[in-house]
Amino acid sequence: MEIFREHSKIFKLLLGLLCALLLPSSRLTASEAATYISQDELQAVYNEVNTPYKYGVVMKPPKGMLADSPSVFRHGDMWYMYYILQDGSGYSSHIAESKELLNWKYKGEILRRKNNNDWDGQQSAAYAALQDCRWGATNAIEKFDGKYWISYLGGELKGYETDPLAIGIAWAEDPAYSGEWNRLSAPVLRASDADSRYFEKLTLYKSNIIWDKSETLGAPFVMFYNAKTQSGYERIAMALSDDMRTWRRFGSEPLIDNGSGLAGDPQVVKMGNMWVMFYFVAGPFGKGGKTTAFETFACSKDLKNWTKWEGEPLVKPGSSYDRIFAHKPWVVKHAGIVYHFYCALGDKGRVIALATSRDLRNK
């Protein structure tokens, strides 16, 4: 009996060591365990959001222009897409509508390229804000303070994303409004701000603002955006606001950092108790590799600590129209189908394409 007890103790000890090796979370502190995300959890998210079926190009720009950065939402019984056009001198922002997320009709311009000496006189690239970020829910844009809001990339110099760029805010009384929106007079975040961090001293890019009604970080509005200090090093950061007008940066380090490559254009949704950030990665991969861009994601349980998915991309170059880049995501789930809109660069120029979780090409 004594020998049995000793063998039992040894067995339990070996089992504990094996669990410690196989289950990293068992070696974490209580606070670390609360934010720990396992590979099984990441795999489950990947299985849910994966879009292996490329539907094709859904938005082409006018001749001589580039289309970029879709953001898609539902209002009433219609779907709308904000997207940006580049005319060689700068960005302007536009809106299109659809009944079923596949066929899109142009509606109008919502932020024009002013072509003057204002801080945003040459660049005005808009993105939807305060979308219902609950995965698979309404996908509607929510109203705050009696208004609908967008954030936008603004700049005073001509060219393609000519540094420096800052982040502005605009509003309208109808999210489907196809005329000029009302802009706040000054940018809400600049690279030159006193609280600007070491990785964002040159330019701020695309922003995505969610309404976190639980105020996980102590404020209702959370902005995710990518920024750089030097060319080729874009990282994703975060800022907070209580009123959509005044913003303060959160934390001293980037949320997503891919080293010498780019991490950009975040879109954040809530999936159960998990926050999921869609974003793109760009850079030369592998020895002597060509520069490319693809879509991926990261997960968080507290909005501060993010675990990157390192597996197969959600969307990657492969078709003729996205053979160079497949990047700048906007992802929605509707009626059981995941729709992944992105900017594609290939034989049709820079266009907006769609990949889905179910094959809709013969629909």
Protein backbone atom coordinates (compact mmCIF):
# COMPACT_ATOMS: atom_id res chain seq x y z
CA MET A 1 0.00 0.00 0.00
CA GLU A 2 2.86 2.37 0.86
CA ILE A 3 4.49 1.64 -2.49
CA PHE A 4 1.16 2.41 -4.20
CA ARG A 5 0.94 5.76 -2.41
CA GLU A 6 4.50 6.67 -3.48
CA HIS A 7 3.77 5.68 -7.07
CA SER A 8 0.60 7.76 -6.94
CA LYS A 9 2.54 10.81 -5.73
CA ILE A 10 5.09 10.38 -8.50
CA PHE A 11 2.32 10.00 -11.08
CA LYS A 12 0.60 13.20 -9.91
CA LEU A 13 3.91 15.08 -9.96
CA LEU A 14 4.66 13.94 -13.50
CA LEU A 15 1.13 14.80 -14.59
CA GLY A 16 1.48 18.28 -13.13
CA LEU A 17 4.78 18.83 -14.94
CA LEU A 18 3.26 17.62 -18.18
CA CYS A 19 0.31 20.01 -17.80
CA ALA A 20 2.69 22.88 -17.08
CA LEU A 21 4.54 22.13 -20.29
CA LEU A 22 1.46 21.66 -22.43
CA LEU A 23 -0.71 24.37 -20.90
CA PRO A 24 1.17 27.70 -20.78
CA SER A 25 -1.74 29.38 -18.99
CA SER A 26 -1.10 27.21 -15.93
CA ARG A 27 2.19 29.05 -15.37
CA LEU A 28 0.65 32.51 -15.54
CA THR A 29 -0.32 34.84 -12.73
CA ALA A 30 -4.02 35.47 -12.14
CA SER A 31 -3.92 38.77 -14.05
CA GLU A 32 -1.97 37.21 -16.91
CA ALA A 33 -4.35 34.26 -17.08
CA ALA A 34 -7.31 36.67 -17.36
CA THR A 35 -5.90 38.05 -20.62
CA TYR A 36 -4.29 34.85 -21.94
CA ILE A 37 -5.53 33.67 -25.34
CA SER A 38 -4.78 30.11 -26.37
CA GLN A 39 -4.06 28.78 -29.83
CA ASP A 40 -7.37 26.93 -29.68
CA GLU A 41 -9.17 30.24 -29.14
CA LEU A 42 -7.27 31.86 -32.01
CA GLN A 43 -8.07 28.88 -34.23
CA ALA A 44 -11.76 29.16 -33.36
CA VAL A 45 -11.76 32.83 -34.38
CA TYR A 46 -9.95 31.99 -37.62
CA ASN A 47 -12.54 29.31 -38.40
CA GLU A 48 -15.32 31.83 -37.79
CA VAL A 49 -13.92 34.73 -39.86
CA ASN A 50 -12.07 32.91 -42.65
CA THR A 51 -13.19 33.95 -46.14
CA PRO A 52 -11.63 31.54 -48.66
CA TYR A 53 -13.95 32.42 -51.57
CA LYS A 54 -12.92 35.45 -53.62
CA TYR A 55 -16.03 37.01 -55.10
CA GLY A 56 -14.07 39.55 -57.13
CA VAL A 57 -13.95 43.31 -57.70
CA VAL A 58 -17.01 45.19 -56.37
CA MET A 59 -15.90 48.81 -56.78
CA LYS A 60 -13.79 50.28 -59.58
CA PRO A 61 -12.61 53.90 -59.51
CA PRO A 62 -13.10 56.35 -62.38
CA LYS A 63 -10.39 56.22 -65.03
CA GLY A 64 -7.08 57.60 -63.80
CA MET A 65 -8.00 57.26 -60.10
CA LEU A 66 -7.39 54.75 -57.30
CA ALA A 67 -10.02 53.26 -54.95
CA ASP A 68 -9.11 52.45 -51.36
CA SER A 69 -10.14 51.70 -47.75
CA PRO A 70 -13.77 50.48 -47.73
CA SER A 71 -15.90 50.69 -44.59
CA VAL A 72 -19.30 49.00 -44.82
CA PHE A 73 -22.40 49.36 -42.64
CA ARG A 74 -26.17 48.92 -42.65
CA HIS A 75 -28.71 51.73 -42.32
CA GLY A 76 -32.41 51.04 -42.69
CA ASP A 77 -32.84 48.33 -45.29
CA MET A 78 -29.73 49.27 -47.29
CA TRP A 79 -25.99 48.72 -47.06
CA TYR A 80 -23.56 51.59 -47.50
CA MET A 81 -19.86 51.81 -48.19
CA TYR A 82 -17.61 54.74 -47.44
CA TYR A 83 -14.46 54.56 -49.54
CA ILE A 84 -11.77 56.89 -50.77
CA LEU A 85 -10.49 57.94 -54.18
CA GLN A 86 -7.00 59.16 -55.01
CA ASP A 87 -6.73 61.43 -58.05
CA GLY A 88 -2.95 61.76 -58.10
CA SER A 89 -2.96 64.87 -55.94
CA GLY A 90 -4.81 63.62 -52.87
CA TYR A 91 -7.70 61.75 -51.26
CA SER A 92 -11.42 62.48 -51.32
CA SER A 93 -14.18 60.39 -49.68
CA HIS A 94 -17.29 58.88 -51.28
CA ILE A 95 -20.35 56.76 -50.54
CA ALA A 96 -22.03 53.91 -52.43
CA GLU A 97 -25.10 51.81 -51.63
CA SER A 98 -26.17 48.20 -52.09
CA LYS A 99 -29.17 45.99 -51.36
CA GLU A 100 -27.17 42.77 -50.89
CA LEU A 101 -23.48 43.68 -50.32
CA LEU A 102 -22.47 42.50 -53.81
CA ASN A 103 -23.60 45.12 -56.32
CA TRP A 104 -22.79 48.73 -55.46
CA LYS A 105 -24.20 52.00 -56.82
CA TYR A 106 -22.35 55.31 -56.45
CA LYS A 107 -24.18 57.96 -54.39
CA GLY A 108 -21.82 60.90 -54.01
CA GLU A 109 -18.90 62.63 -52.32
CA ILE A 110 -18.89 63.13 -48.54
CA LEU A 111 -15.48 64.78 -48.03
CA ARG A 112 -14.03 66.62 -50.99
CA ARG A 113 -10.40 67.41 -51.63
CA LYS A 114 -10.60 71.12 -50.83
CA ASN A 115 -7.40 71.99 -52.74
CA ASN A 116 -6.53 74.85 -50.41
CA ASN A 117 -4.04 75.57 -47.62
CA ASP A 118 -6.09 74.13 -44.73
CA TRP A 119 -4.53 71.38 -42.59
CA ASP A 120 -6.72 68.92 -44.56
CA GLY A 121 -6.78 70.86 -47.82
CA GLN A 122 -5.28 68.13 -50.02
CA GLN A 123 -6.13 64.85 -48.22
CA SER A 124 -9.54 63.81 -46.83
CA ALA A 125 -9.90 60.03 -46.42
CA ALA A 126 -12.97 59.00 -44.36
CA TYR A 127 -13.79 55.88 -42.33
CA ALA A 128 -17.02 54.81 -40.62
CA ALA A 129 -17.15 55.34 -36.84
CA LEU A 130 -19.33 53.93 -34.07
CA GLN A 131 -20.55 50.94 -36.04
CA ASP A 132 -22.32 48.32 -33.93
CA CYS A 133 -19.17 46.24 -33.39
CA ARG A 134 -20.94 43.17 -32.00
CA TRP A 135 -20.04 40.38 -34.40
CA GLY A 136 -22.97 39.37 -36.59
CA ALA A 137 -25.31 41.94 -35.01
CA THR A 138 -26.94 44.95 -36.73
CA ASN A 139 -23.79 46.36 -38.42
CA ALA A 140 -25.51 49.75 -38.09
CA ILE A 141 -23.84 53.09 -37.43
CA GLU A 142 -24.86 54.40 -34.01
CA LYS A 143 -25.76 58.00 -33.26
CA PHE A 144 -24.03 59.99 -30.49
CA ASP A 145 -24.97 63.49 -29.38
CA GLY A 146 -27.64 63.57 -32.08
CA LYS A 147 -25.05 63.06 -34.84
CA TYR A 148 -23.41 60.38 -36.96
CA TRP A 149 -19.61 60.49 -37.06
CA ILE A 150 -16.67 59.64 -39.26
CA SER A 151 -12.95 59.92 -38.65
CA TYR A 152 -10.64 60.81 -41.49
CA LEU A 153 -7.02 61.03 -42.55
CA GLY A 154 -6.17 64.63 -43.43
CA GLY A 155 -3.17 66.38 -44.91
CA GLU A 156 -2.16 69.72 -46.40
CA LEU A 157 0.34 68.47 -49.02
CA LYS A 158 -0.43 67.03 -52.44
CA GLY A 159 0.57 63.52 -53.48
CA TYR A 160 0.01 59.96 -52.33
CA GLU A 161 -0.23 60.05 -48.51
CA THR A 162 2.41 62.76 -48.35
CA ASP A 163 3.74 63.20 -44.79
CA PRO A 164 2.68 64.51 -42.36
CA LEU A 165 -0.91 63.27 -42.03
CA ALA A 166 -3.24 63.77 -39.06
CA ILE A 167 -6.65 62.48 -37.90
CA GLY A 168 -9.79 64.59 -38.14
CA ILE A 169 -13.45 64.13 -37.19
CA ALA A 170 -16.59 65.03 -39.15
CA TRP A 171 -20.32 64.55 -38.61
CA ALA A 172 -23.71 64.54 -40.34
CA GLU A 173 -27.33 64.03 -39.33
CA ASP A 174 -27.72 61.05 -41.67
CA PRO A 175 -25.01 58.36 -42.15
CA ALA A 176 -26.20 57.86 -45.75
CA TYR A 177 -25.85 61.57 -46.55
CA SER A 178 -24.07 62.00 -49.87
CA GLY A 179 -23.12 65.66 -49.51
CA GLU A 180 -20.24 67.37 -47.71
CA TRP A 181 -20.05 66.42 -44.02
CA ASN A 182 -19.35 68.93 -41.23
CA ARG A 183 -15.70 68.87 -40.17
CA LEU A 184 -14.28 69.84 -36.80
CA SER A 185 -12.01 72.82 -37.40
CA ALA A 186 -8.77 71.17 -36.24
CA PRO A 187 -7.34 67.65 -36.21
CA VAL A 188 -7.98 65.64 -33.05
CA LEU A 189 -4.63 63.80 -33.23
CA ARG A 190 -1.35 64.95 -34.79
CA ALA A 191 2.11 63.44 -34.88
CA SER A 192 3.37 66.67 -33.33
CA ASP A 193 1.11 66.47 -30.24
CA ALA A 194 2.80 66.69 -26.85
CA ASP A 195 1.64 63.17 -25.94
CA SER A 196 2.72 61.66 -29.27
CA ARG A 197 4.72 58.49 -28.68
CA TYR A 198 8.07 57.44 -30.15
CA PHE A 199 6.51 55.33 -32.90
CA GLU A 200 4.13 58.03 -34.27
CA LYS A 201 6.27 61.13 -34.75
CA LEU A 202 5.80 61.48 -38.51
CA THR A 203 2.32 60.48 -39.73
CA LEU A 204 -1.02 59.08 -38.51
CA TYR A 205 -3.05 56.93 -40.89
CA LYS A 206 -6.41 55.14 -40.91
CA SER A 207 -8.53 55.18 -37.75
CA ASN A 208 -11.37 53.00 -36.50
CA ILE A 209 -13.53 54.28 -33.63
CA ILE A 210 -15.70 51.91 -31.59
CA TRP A 211 -18.23 52.68 -28.89
CA ASP A 212 -17.30 50.54 -25.88
CA LYS A 213 -20.35 51.00 -23.69
CA SER A 214 -18.72 48.97 -20.91
CA GLU A 215 -15.91 51.57 -20.80
CA THR A 216 -13.29 48.86 -20.42
CA LEU A 217 -10.50 51.45 -20.47
CA GLY A 218 -12.37 54.21 -18.65
CA ALA A 219 -13.87 55.94 -21.69
CA PRO A 220 -16.71 55.12 -24.08
CA PHE A 221 -14.92 55.86 -27.36
CA VAL A 222 -11.81 53.95 -28.40
CA MET A 223 -9.84 54.81 -31.51
CA PHE A 224 -7.43 52.38 -33.16
CA TYR A 225 -5.07 53.74 -35.78
CA ASN A 226 -1.76 53.04 -37.49
CA ALA A 227 1.13 55.48 -37.40
CA LYS A 228 4.82 55.77 -38.17
CA THR A 229 7.96 57.57 -37.13
CA GLN A 230 9.94 56.59 -40.21
CA SER A 231 8.95 55.20 -43.58
CA GLY A 232 8.18 51.49 -43.67
CA TYR A 233 7.52 51.08 -39.95
CA GLU A 234 3.79 51.37 -39.28
CA ARG A 235 2.39 50.24 -35.95
CA ILE A 236 -1.12 50.16 -34.51
CA ALA A 237 -1.95 52.37 -31.52
CA MET A 238 -4.92 53.48 -29.43
CA ALA A 239 -6.55 56.69 -28.10
CA LEU A 240 -9.61 57.41 -25.94
CA SER A 241 -12.36 60.04 -25.84
CA ASP A 242 -15.39 60.94 -23.76
CA ASP A 243 -17.07 63.15 -26.37
CA MET A 244 -15.67 62.27 -29.86
CA ARG A 245 -14.03 65.68 -30.01
CA THR A 246 -11.12 65.55 -27.56
CA TRP A 247 -8.78 62.56 -27.62
CA ARG A 248 -5.99 61.30 -25.38
CA ARG A 249 -3.50 58.59 -26.22
CA PHE A 250 -3.53 55.36 -24.21
CA GLY A 251 -0.37 53.46 -23.27
CA SER A 252 3.27 54.02 -24.15
CA GLU A 253 3.73 51.14 -26.61
CA PRO A 254 2.01 50.09 -29.83
CA LEU A 255 -0.71 47.44 -29.66
CA ILE A 256 0.54 45.67 -32.81
CA ASP A 257 4.16 45.89 -33.91
CA ASN A 258 5.55 43.89 -36.82
CA GLY A 259 9.06 45.26 -36.57
CA SER A 260 10.41 46.39 -39.92
CA GLY A 261 7.13 45.69 -41.72
CA LEU A 262 3.78 47.45 -41.74
CA ALA A 263 0.77 46.75 -39.53
CA GLY A 264 -2.16 48.91 -40.49
CA ASP A 265 -5.80 49.77 -41.06
CA PRO A 266 -7.34 48.17 -37.97
CA GLN A 267 -11.03 47.32 -37.64
CA VAL A 268 -12.20 46.02 -34.24
CA VAL A 269 -15.26 43.86 -33.48
CA LYS A 270 -16.56 42.09 -30.36
CA MET A 271 -17.02 38.33 -30.58
CA GLY A 272 -18.44 36.98 -27.31
CA ASN A 273 -15.92 37.93 -24.62
CA MET A 274 -13.20 38.42 -27.23
CA TRP A 275 -12.16 41.54 -29.10
CA VAL A 276 -10.96 40.80 -32.62
CA MET A 277 -8.87 43.23 -34.64
CA PHE A 278 -8.66 42.79 -38.40
CA TYR A 279 -5.61 44.46 -39.96
CA PHE A 280 -3.12 44.05 -42.76
CA VAL A 281 0.56 43.17 -42.73
CA ALA A 282 2.93 44.35 -45.45
CA GLY A 283 6.63 43.98 -46.14
CA PRO A 284 9.20 41.81 -47.87
CA PHE A 285 8.79 38.29 -46.47
CA GLY A 286 11.48 35.63 -46.63
CA LYS A 287 15.01 36.01 -47.94
CA GLY A 288 14.92 38.16 -51.04
CA GLY A 289 11.13 38.16 -50.90
CA LYS A 290 9.00 40.63 -52.82
CA THR A 291 7.00 43.23 -50.93
CA THR A 292 3.43 42.07 -50.48
CA ALA A 293 0.44 42.66 -48.19
CA PHE A 294 -2.18 40.35 -46.73
CA GLU A 295 -5.01 40.33 -44.17
CA THR A 296 -4.82 38.83 -40.70
CA PHE A 297 -6.16 39.41 -37.17
CA ALA A 298 -5.31 39.62 -33.47
CA CYS A 299 -7.40 38.96 -30.34
CA SER A 300 -7.72 40.59 -26.93
CA LYS A 301 -9.79 40.20 -23.78
CA ASP A 302 -9.04 43.66 -22.38
CA LEU A 303 -8.36 45.89 -25.44
CA LYS A 304 -4.79 46.40 -24.20
CA ASN A 305 -3.04 43.06 -24.67
CA TRP A 306 -3.28 41.58 -28.15
CA THR A 307 -2.30 38.13 -29.35
CA LYS A 308 -1.57 37.88 -33.08
CA TRP A 309 -2.77 35.05 -35.27
CA GLU A 310 0.34 33.62 -36.93
CA GLY A 311 -1.41 31.12 -39.19
CA GLU A 312 -2.79 31.30 -42.71
CA PRO A 313 -3.88 34.82 -43.80
CA LEU A 314 -7.58 35.61 -44.04
CA VAL A 315 -7.06 37.05 -47.52
CA LYS A 316 -3.81 37.05 -49.47
CA PRO A 317 -2.67 37.88 -53.03
CA GLY A 318 -3.44 35.22 -55.59
CA SER A 319 -5.96 36.42 -58.14
CA SER A 320 -5.05 38.63 -61.08
CA TYR A 321 -6.75 41.66 -59.53
CA ASP A 322 -4.99 41.30 -56.14
CA ARG A 323 -1.71 39.66 -57.17
CA ILE A 324 0.36 42.44 -55.57
CA PHE A 325 -1.58 43.55 -52.48
CA ALA A 326 -4.68 42.32 -50.63
CA HIS A 327 -5.03 44.74 -47.72
CA LYS A 328 -7.02 47.35 -45.75
CA PRO A 329 -9.87 45.18 -44.39
CA TRP A 330 -13.47 45.78 -43.45
CA VAL A 331 -15.28 42.65 -42.31
CA VAL A 332 -18.98 42.12 -41.52
CA LYS A 333 -21.13 39.08 -40.83
CA HIS A 334 -24.70 39.05 -42.11
CA ALA A 335 -27.22 36.23 -42.38
CA GLY A 336 -24.57 33.67 -41.52
CA ILE A 337 -22.09 34.82 -44.19
CA VAL A 338 -18.83 36.69 -43.59
CA TYR A 339 -18.08 39.47 -46.10
CA HIS A 340 -14.45 40.63 -46.18
CA PHE A 341 -13.99 43.83 -48.19
CA TYR A 342 -10.45 44.92 -48.99
CA CYS A 343 -8.29 47.03 -51.26
CA ALA A 344 -6.82 44.96 -54.10
CA LEU A 345 -3.86 45.89 -56.27
CA GLY A 346 -3.26 43.96 -59.47
CA ASP A 347 -4.10 44.02 -63.16
CA LYS A 348 -7.15 46.27 -62.65
CA GLY A 349 -5.25 48.91 -60.70
CA ARG A 350 -6.23 49.75 -57.12
CA VAL A 351 -9.81 48.59 -56.63
CA ILE A 352 -12.10 47.31 -53.86
CA ALA A 353 -12.65 43.56 -53.80
CA LEU A 354 -14.63 41.09 -51.73
CA ALA A 355 -13.96 37.65 -50.26
CA THR A 356 -16.64 35.62 -48.49
CA SER A 357 -17.06 32.63 -46.20
CA ARG A 358 -19.48 31.02 -48.65
CA ASP A 359 -19.11 30.84 -52.43
CA LEU A 360 -21.46 33.55 -53.80
CA ARG A 361 -20.06 33.80 -57.31
CA ASN A 362 -23.03 31.98 -58.84
CA LYS A 363 -25.63 33.60 -56.62
